Every structure is written in C-alpha cells, then in structure tokens.
C-alpha cells in the first residue's frame, strides 16, 4: 500500500471507530434507561410488602393483595434485568470492536509516514492515541474493579474527544522532526499516554464521587449502579496510585533525558515542562495527603480533579495559548516560526 492509501485507511478507520463508539454509547444509555425508576424495583416492592405484612392494624386483605402484586411483578423484573444485562454486554462488545478499529487507525497513521514511525508526531496523533489508551485502560480494569457503570461516561468522553481531534486538530501525515526522531519518543510518549489515560479514568471516578455525595446513596434508578462512596474513593485512589509513578517516569526521567539529548540541557523552563511538573506536584500532594493526613472523600476528589485539569491544560491549553513553547510540534496544523528545534520534555 502507498503512503496515501495508509493515510486514507487511517482517516476512514478513525471515522468508523467514532461511529462504533457512538453506537456503544447509545446502547449503554439504553441500558441505563432500562433500569427501573425509584420505588419500582423488585427489592423496593418486597421491602414494601414486608412492611405492610408486619404493620399493626392492617387487615389481611390489602396485605395479600399487595404480596400477590409483588409476586406477579417478579417475572417482569427478571425480564428487565435480562434486558439490562444484555445491553451491557452488547455495549462492552461494541466498545471492544471500536477499540480494535481505533488501533487500525493508529497503525495506518504510522505506516503512512515515510519512513514509518509511531503515530505521535503532533497534537492530533497524540489525541487519538490518548483516547485509545483511555479505552484500553478502562476495558482492562472493567472486571477487576467492577467499572461497568462507567461505560457511558468513558465512551462519551472518547467520542467527544475524537470529534474535537477530527474537526479541529487534524493534520496531514508528515515525517518526524529531527528532534523527535529518537528512541526516547516511544519510551516517553507511551508512558505519558498510559498515565494520561489512567488519570482520566481516575478523574471520572472522583467526579462521580462528588456527584453521588451530593445526590445521596440511592438504591434504585441509574445512580444505583454507581458503587458506594467508599468504593469510589478507594478505586480512584488505586488508579491514581498506579498512574503517578508512570507519570513520574515520563516527566521526570525520560523527558529530561530526551531534552538533554536534543537541547544539551535537562531542564529548559519550557511552559510544557513547567505545567507537566505542576501536574506532578498536584498528584504528589493528592497521594501524600491521603497517606499522611488521612484525606479521603470530598477533599481528595477535588484535589484529583484539580490534577486532571492541569494535565489537560498542559496538553491542550499550552499548545493554544503559549507563544514561547518549543513544543510547537504538538500544536495543530498551522504555520509556526520557531528559533529552536522542537523537542519533547513533558508530554
């Protein structure tokens, strides 16, 4: 295949992946919509029947009628639960298919370059790679941490981010700039996108903690699928604890080494380097506060979201608002004049 054919395949695959992700989102939304409304679940009706049967001063007639209604509703409950489970499995299957097509898009992007390279040469490529890793990390943690309830949030985030990438960030395939043509590209960017994906999943958990803390512990309806506050808090902490050393490796080890190789300096006070370090400090404070000061719950969730905000500002905001960053390779496809070679130093 020619380079143009590979690029065309990549563009078509990313569009197809977006469509399949969107179908998965619709299925998961239908799954949530199929959940019974508050007060109509089997558990709720059985609890109501038990209360009626044990209440003093109530004749047997209403109680027997009520219990009979509950028994009659059990069959419908089984049908509803089967439908919810079926939609959930279908949504996960579609997400896996979409991730596979997404990988084809990344492969085609790398094969379209001459010479062939990893698909991490600009902001568009990093965006589609980052969303792929968000999906993969979610799927890898799905069963271990019981994250089925997160599906609409994760898939919705991926769909929205891919739309932004295709509409505003798309750039034609081009050879890597000289400073990027290094073995450190793979090491640095792989660790950065893995950490970004994990921090994003952890941030969604922290956000849902705040939502559930505000709405209360519900036992029916869609929010009933969201785990308890204790489980949300613990799972978010574990995911952040996994992502932090990976981010440390990317920002404080491989980034400086690569910068020294290209700039002959380990640290250059480039805006992207500074914000990558700010992100590291915020997440370090999050983990340290939890380990030493016993920060849990609301305060920890807010600090985790602050870290996520700095992470994505470093990724998007610096590229749009900074005029001094030497990481101009990461910006969208516009004419940029730089006086020094563009080099990485903190994803």
Protein backbone atom coordinates (compact mmCIF):
# COMPACT_ATOMS: atom_id res chain seq x y z
CA UNK A 1 0.00 0.00 0.00
CA UNK A 2 1.13 3.53 -0.72
CA UNK A 3 1.55 6.15 1.97
CA UNK A 4 -1.56 7.94 0.71
CA UNK A 5 -3.56 4.71 0.95
CA UNK A 6 -2.38 4.16 4.53
CA UNK A 7 -3.35 7.71 5.47
CA UNK A 8 -6.75 7.27 3.84
CA UNK A 9 -7.21 4.00 5.74
CA UNK A 10 -6.32 5.75 8.99
CA UNK A 11 -8.83 8.55 8.37
CA UNK A 12 -11.57 6.08 7.46
CA UNK A 13 -10.78 3.87 10.45
CA UNK A 14 -10.91 6.76 12.91
CA UNK A 15 -14.29 7.77 11.46
CA UNK A 16 -15.54 4.18 11.70
CA UNK A 17 -14.24 3.90 15.27
CA UNK A 18 -16.11 7.08 16.15
CA UNK A 19 -19.34 5.64 14.73
CA UNK A 20 -18.95 2.35 16.64
CA UNK A 21 -18.07 4.22 19.86
CA UNK A 22 -21.22 6.29 19.35
CA UNK A 23 -23.32 3.14 18.88
CA UNK A 24 -21.77 1.75 22.09
CA UNK A 25 -22.71 4.99 23.85
CA UNK A 26 -26.32 4.70 22.65
CA UNK A 27 -26.50 1.08 23.83
CA UNK A 28 -25.13 1.98 27.25
CA UNK A 29 -27.56 4.89 27.53
CA UNK A 30 -30.38 2.50 26.63
CA UNK A 31 -29.04 0.17 29.33
CA UNK A 32 -29.27 2.96 31.90
CA UNK A 33 -32.72 3.96 30.65
CA UNK A 34 -33.91 0.36 31.11
CA UNK A 35 -33.22 0.50 34.81
CA UNK A 36 -36.34 0.72 36.91
CA UNK A 37 -37.35 4.05 38.34
CA UNK A 38 -37.11 4.70 42.08
CA UNK A 39 -39.71 2.76 44.03
CA UNK A 40 -40.46 0.16 41.36
CA UNK A 41 -37.58 -2.27 41.76
CA UNK A 42 -38.12 -5.81 42.96
CA UNK A 43 -36.18 -5.12 46.15
CA UNK A 44 -38.23 -2.00 46.79
CA UNK A 45 -41.54 -3.77 46.30
CA UNK A 46 -40.53 -6.70 48.50
CA UNK A 47 -39.47 -4.31 51.24
CA UNK A 48 -42.80 -2.54 50.94
CA UNK A 49 -44.66 -5.87 51.13
CA UNK A 50 -42.73 -6.90 54.22
CA UNK A 51 -43.53 -3.59 55.87
CA UNK A 52 -47.22 -3.98 55.09
CA UNK A 53 -47.37 -7.56 56.33
CA UNK A 54 -45.78 -6.68 59.64
CA UNK A 55 -47.56 -3.37 60.20
CA UNK A 56 -50.05 -3.39 63.03
CA UNK A 57 -53.70 -2.68 62.44
CA UNK A 58 -53.73 -3.66 58.76
CA UNK A 59 -56.26 -6.23 57.54
CA UNK A 60 -55.10 -9.35 55.71
CA UNK A 61 -56.93 -8.42 52.50
CA UNK A 62 -54.72 -5.47 51.46
CA UNK A 63 -51.60 -7.33 52.54
CA UNK A 64 -52.44 -10.43 50.50
CA UNK A 65 -53.28 -8.25 47.51
CA UNK A 66 -50.01 -6.38 47.83
CA UNK A 67 -47.93 -9.54 48.18
CA UNK A 68 -49.69 -11.06 45.18
CA UNK A 69 -48.82 -7.97 43.15
CA UNK A 70 -45.17 -8.33 44.15
CA UNK A 71 -45.13 -11.99 43.14
CA UNK A 72 -46.70 -11.14 39.81
CA UNK A 73 -44.04 -8.49 39.22
CA UNK A 74 -41.09 -10.83 39.74
CA UNK A 75 -41.36 -12.23 36.22
CA UNK A 76 -41.27 -8.75 34.72
CA UNK A 77 -38.30 -7.90 36.94
CA UNK A 78 -36.41 -10.90 35.58
CA UNK A 79 -37.14 -9.75 32.01
CA UNK A 80 -35.95 -6.23 32.82
CA UNK A 81 -32.77 -7.47 34.48
CA UNK A 82 -32.06 -9.72 31.50
CA UNK A 83 -32.53 -6.77 29.12
CA UNK A 84 -30.17 -4.58 31.16
CA UNK A 85 -27.52 -7.32 31.27
CA UNK A 86 -27.87 -7.95 27.52
CA UNK A 87 -27.50 -4.26 26.69
CA UNK A 88 -24.48 -4.04 28.98
CA UNK A 89 -22.73 -6.93 27.25
CA UNK A 90 -23.56 -5.53 23.82
CA UNK A 91 -22.20 -2.12 24.80
CA UNK A 92 -18.92 -3.62 26.01
CA UNK A 93 -18.65 -5.72 22.82
CA UNK A 94 -19.15 -2.62 20.66
CA UNK A 95 -16.54 -0.77 22.71
CA UNK A 96 -14.04 -3.59 22.15
CA UNK A 97 -14.77 -3.55 18.40
CA UNK A 98 -14.36 0.23 18.33
CA UNK A 99 -11.02 -0.06 20.14
CA UNK A 100 -9.86 -2.58 17.53
CA UNK A 101 -10.79 -0.24 14.67
CA UNK A 102 -9.18 2.61 16.62
CA UNK A 103 -5.93 0.62 16.73
CA UNK A 104 -6.11 0.16 12.94
CA UNK A 105 -6.35 3.94 12.61
CA UNK A 106 -3.20 4.39 14.69
CA UNK A 107 -1.38 1.69 12.73
CA UNK A 108 -2.36 3.28 9.42
CA UNK A 109 -1.22 6.68 10.64
CA UNK A 110 2.25 5.37 11.45
CA UNK A 111 2.54 3.37 8.24
CA UNK A 112 1.56 6.42 6.17
CA UNK A 113 4.72 8.28 7.16
CA UNK A 114 7.96 7.97 5.24
CA UNK A 115 9.87 6.47 6.93
CA UNK A 116 7.33 4.56 9.00
CA UNK A 117 7.07 5.82 12.57
CA UNK A 118 4.99 5.73 15.71
CA UNK A 119 1.83 7.89 15.43
CA UNK A 120 2.87 10.51 17.98
CA UNK A 121 4.22 13.36 15.91
CA UNK A 122 1.63 16.08 16.56
CA UNK A 123 -1.34 17.03 18.71
CA UNK A 124 -3.88 15.18 16.54
CA UNK A 125 -1.93 11.95 16.76
CA UNK A 126 -1.38 12.26 20.50
CA UNK A 127 -5.12 12.91 20.97
CA UNK A 128 -6.26 9.83 19.08
CA UNK A 129 -3.56 7.79 20.86
CA UNK A 130 -4.58 9.15 24.27
CA UNK A 131 -8.25 8.29 23.74
CA UNK A 132 -7.25 4.79 22.63
CA UNK A 133 -5.36 4.27 25.88
CA UNK A 134 -8.30 5.63 27.90
CA UNK A 135 -10.46 2.92 26.31
CA UNK A 136 -7.86 0.17 26.77
CA UNK A 137 -7.25 1.05 30.43
CA UNK A 138 -10.99 1.13 31.10
CA UNK A 139 -11.51 -2.27 29.45
CA UNK A 140 -8.50 -3.74 31.30
CA UNK A 141 -9.91 -2.57 34.65
CA UNK A 142 -13.53 -3.32 33.82
CA UNK A 143 -13.93 -6.64 35.64
CA UNK A 144 -11.26 -6.22 38.29
CA UNK A 145 -12.77 -3.01 39.66
CA UNK A 146 -16.39 -3.56 38.55
CA UNK A 147 -16.45 -0.46 36.34
CA UNK A 148 -19.41 -1.40 34.12
CA UNK A 149 -21.34 1.59 35.45
CA UNK A 150 -18.67 3.94 34.00
CA UNK A 151 -19.30 2.88 30.39
CA UNK A 152 -21.45 5.85 29.28
CA UNK A 153 -19.01 8.31 30.87
CA UNK A 154 -15.84 6.78 29.40
CA UNK A 155 -17.29 6.13 25.94
CA UNK A 156 -18.92 9.57 25.90
CA UNK A 157 -15.57 11.18 26.74
CA UNK A 158 -13.84 9.23 23.96
CA UNK A 159 -16.49 10.17 21.38
CA UNK A 160 -16.36 13.86 22.29
CA UNK A 161 -12.54 13.96 22.26
CA UNK A 162 -12.33 12.18 18.90
CA UNK A 163 -14.77 14.72 17.45
CA UNK A 164 -12.54 17.56 18.65
CA UNK A 165 -9.48 15.83 17.20
CA UNK A 166 -11.03 15.25 13.78
CA UNK A 167 -12.70 18.66 13.46
CA UNK A 168 -10.07 20.99 14.93
CA UNK A 169 -6.77 19.16 15.34
CA UNK A 170 -6.42 17.04 12.21
CA UNK A 171 -3.10 17.38 10.39
CA UNK A 172 -1.70 15.63 7.35
CA UNK A 173 0.89 12.92 7.91
CA UNK A 174 4.43 14.30 7.87
CA UNK A 175 7.88 12.95 8.75
CA UNK A 176 9.01 13.37 12.32
CA UNK A 177 11.03 16.47 13.05
CA UNK A 178 14.68 15.76 13.65
CA UNK A 179 14.46 16.27 17.41
CA UNK A 180 11.57 13.80 17.64
CA UNK A 181 13.35 11.10 15.67
CA UNK A 182 14.72 9.35 18.73
CA UNK A 183 14.17 6.05 20.56
CA UNK A 184 13.08 8.16 23.54
CA UNK A 185 9.94 9.11 21.61
CA UNK A 186 8.45 5.65 22.16
CA UNK A 187 9.53 5.39 25.80
CA UNK A 188 8.48 8.90 26.77
CA UNK A 189 5.17 9.11 24.93
CA UNK A 190 3.98 5.58 25.76
CA UNK A 191 4.44 6.26 29.47
CA UNK A 192 2.82 9.69 29.13
CA UNK A 193 -0.30 8.45 27.34
CA UNK A 194 -0.71 5.49 29.72
CA UNK A 195 -0.56 7.87 32.69
CA UNK A 196 -2.93 10.31 30.95
CA UNK A 197 -5.45 7.54 30.30
CA UNK A 198 -5.28 6.28 33.88
CA UNK A 199 -5.52 9.78 35.36
CA UNK A 200 -8.58 10.43 33.18
CA UNK A 201 -10.33 7.26 34.39
CA UNK A 202 -9.41 8.16 37.96
CA UNK A 203 -10.73 11.68 37.42
CA UNK A 204 -14.08 10.33 36.21
CA UNK A 205 -14.29 8.25 39.40
CA UNK A 206 -13.50 11.30 41.52
CA UNK A 207 -16.11 13.35 39.68
CA UNK A 208 -18.74 10.68 40.24
CA UNK A 209 -17.80 10.62 43.92
CA UNK A 210 -18.75 14.30 44.18
CA UNK A 211 -21.99 13.69 42.24
CA UNK A 212 -23.02 10.77 44.43
CA UNK A 213 -22.02 12.59 47.62
CA UNK A 214 -24.38 15.39 46.60
CA UNK A 215 -27.31 13.24 45.45
CA UNK A 216 -27.04 10.65 48.23
CA UNK A 217 -26.80 6.87 48.28
CA UNK A 218 -29.65 5.72 46.03
CA UNK A 219 -30.80 2.11 45.90
CA UNK A 220 -32.86 2.38 42.71
CA UNK A 221 -32.57 4.07 39.33
CA UNK A 222 -29.43 4.60 37.21
CA UNK A 223 -27.34 6.02 40.04
CA UNK A 224 -27.93 2.79 41.96
CA UNK A 225 -25.35 1.21 39.65
CA UNK A 226 -22.69 3.62 40.87
CA UNK A 227 -20.76 1.98 43.74
CA UNK A 228 -20.83 3.31 47.27
CA UNK A 229 -18.80 6.38 48.18
CA UNK A 230 -16.27 4.20 49.97
CA UNK A 231 -15.72 2.03 46.88
CA UNK A 232 -15.50 5.07 44.56
CA UNK A 233 -12.94 6.71 46.82
CA UNK A 234 -10.83 3.55 47.16
CA UNK A 235 -10.89 2.71 43.44
CA UNK A 236 -9.97 6.28 42.44
CA UNK A 237 -7.03 6.18 44.84
CA UNK A 238 -5.76 2.87 43.46
CA UNK A 239 -5.91 4.08 39.87
CA UNK A 240 -4.13 7.33 40.74
CA UNK A 241 -1.52 5.36 42.68
CA UNK A 242 -0.88 3.32 39.51
CA UNK A 243 -0.73 6.35 37.19
CA UNK A 244 1.54 8.53 39.34
CA UNK A 245 4.79 6.52 39.05
CA UNK A 246 4.17 6.13 35.32
CA UNK A 247 3.76 9.91 35.01
CA UNK A 248 6.89 10.39 37.14
CA UNK A 249 8.82 8.14 34.78
CA UNK A 250 7.55 10.11 31.77
CA UNK A 251 8.03 13.63 33.14
CA UNK A 252 11.00 13.47 35.49
CA UNK A 253 13.10 10.72 33.90
CA UNK A 254 12.54 10.13 30.18
CA UNK A 255 11.52 13.72 29.38
CA UNK A 256 14.68 15.34 30.79
CA UNK A 257 16.91 12.66 29.27
CA UNK A 258 15.35 13.25 25.86
CA UNK A 259 15.59 17.03 26.29
CA UNK A 260 19.29 16.71 27.13
CA UNK A 261 19.83 14.61 24.02
CA UNK A 262 18.26 17.32 21.84
CA UNK A 263 18.93 20.57 23.74
CA UNK A 264 22.02 19.58 25.75
CA UNK A 265 20.08 20.61 28.87
CA UNK A 266 17.89 18.53 31.15
CA UNK A 267 15.58 21.41 32.10
CA UNK A 268 14.71 24.46 29.99
CA UNK A 269 11.76 26.08 31.79
CA UNK A 270 9.64 25.46 28.73
CA UNK A 271 5.92 26.06 29.52
CA UNK A 272 5.09 22.44 28.79
CA UNK A 273 7.82 21.22 31.10
CA UNK A 274 6.65 23.57 33.85
CA UNK A 275 3.00 22.50 33.58
CA UNK A 276 3.95 18.83 33.45
CA UNK A 277 5.81 19.39 36.72
CA UNK A 278 2.82 21.27 38.19
CA UNK A 279 0.65 18.26 37.36
CA UNK A 280 3.18 16.01 39.07
CA UNK A 281 3.15 18.22 42.19
CA UNK A 282 -0.66 18.20 42.42
CA UNK A 283 -0.90 14.43 42.14
CA UNK A 284 2.01 14.01 44.56
CA UNK A 285 0.10 16.21 47.02
CA UNK A 286 -3.02 14.09 46.46
CA UNK A 287 -1.23 10.83 47.26
CA UNK A 288 0.77 12.33 50.12
CA UNK A 289 -2.34 13.85 51.73
CA UNK A 290 -4.15 10.54 51.57
CA UNK A 291 -1.21 8.62 53.02
CA UNK A 292 -0.23 11.02 55.81
CA UNK A 293 -3.08 13.41 56.58
CA UNK A 294 -5.85 10.89 56.03
CA UNK A 295 -7.50 12.93 53.29
CA UNK A 296 -10.36 10.94 51.85
CA UNK A 297 -13.69 11.61 50.26
CA UNK A 298 -14.63 15.08 49.04
CA UNK A 299 -11.30 16.87 49.59
CA UNK A 300 -9.33 14.12 47.89
CA UNK A 301 -11.76 14.04 44.95
CA UNK A 302 -11.49 17.80 44.45
CA UNK A 303 -7.68 17.65 44.52
CA UNK A 304 -7.71 14.79 41.98
CA UNK A 305 -9.88 16.87 39.63
CA UNK A 306 -7.50 19.83 40.01
CA UNK A 307 -4.71 17.50 38.92
CA UNK A 308 -6.76 16.36 35.92
CA UNK A 309 -7.42 19.98 34.95
CA UNK A 310 -3.69 20.79 35.00
CA UNK A 311 -2.99 17.64 32.98
CA UNK A 312 -5.38 18.53 30.16
CA UNK A 313 -4.46 22.23 30.24
CA UNK A 314 -0.84 21.19 29.74
CA UNK A 315 -1.90 19.06 26.79
CA UNK A 316 -4.33 21.47 25.09
CA UNK A 317 -4.01 24.91 26.67
CA UNK A 318 -0.26 25.31 26.34
CA UNK A 319 -0.40 24.42 22.64
CA UNK A 320 -3.05 27.08 22.01
CA UNK A 321 -2.06 29.89 24.35
CA UNK A 322 1.72 29.72 24.69
CA UNK A 323 3.88 31.59 22.18
CA UNK A 324 7.19 30.59 23.74
CA UNK A 325 6.94 26.80 23.97
CA UNK A 326 9.48 24.90 21.91
CA UNK A 327 6.99 22.01 21.73
CA UNK A 328 5.48 23.51 18.60
CA UNK A 329 5.35 20.05 17.02
CA UNK A 330 2.33 19.34 19.24
CA UNK A 331 0.26 22.26 18.02
CA UNK A 332 -2.47 21.95 15.37
CA UNK A 333 -1.52 22.26 11.73
CA UNK A 334 -0.74 25.98 11.42
CA UNK A 335 2.25 27.93 10.20
CA UNK A 336 4.62 28.35 13.15
CA UNK A 337 8.01 30.01 13.12
CA UNK A 338 10.43 28.80 15.79
CA UNK A 339 14.01 29.75 16.53
CA UNK A 340 14.97 26.49 18.19
CA UNK A 341 14.28 22.85 17.35
CA UNK A 342 11.04 21.49 18.79
CA UNK A 343 11.78 18.90 21.41
CA UNK A 344 9.77 16.98 23.97
CA UNK A 345 10.25 17.39 27.68
CA UNK A 346 6.96 16.64 29.38
CA UNK A 347 4.19 15.20 27.27
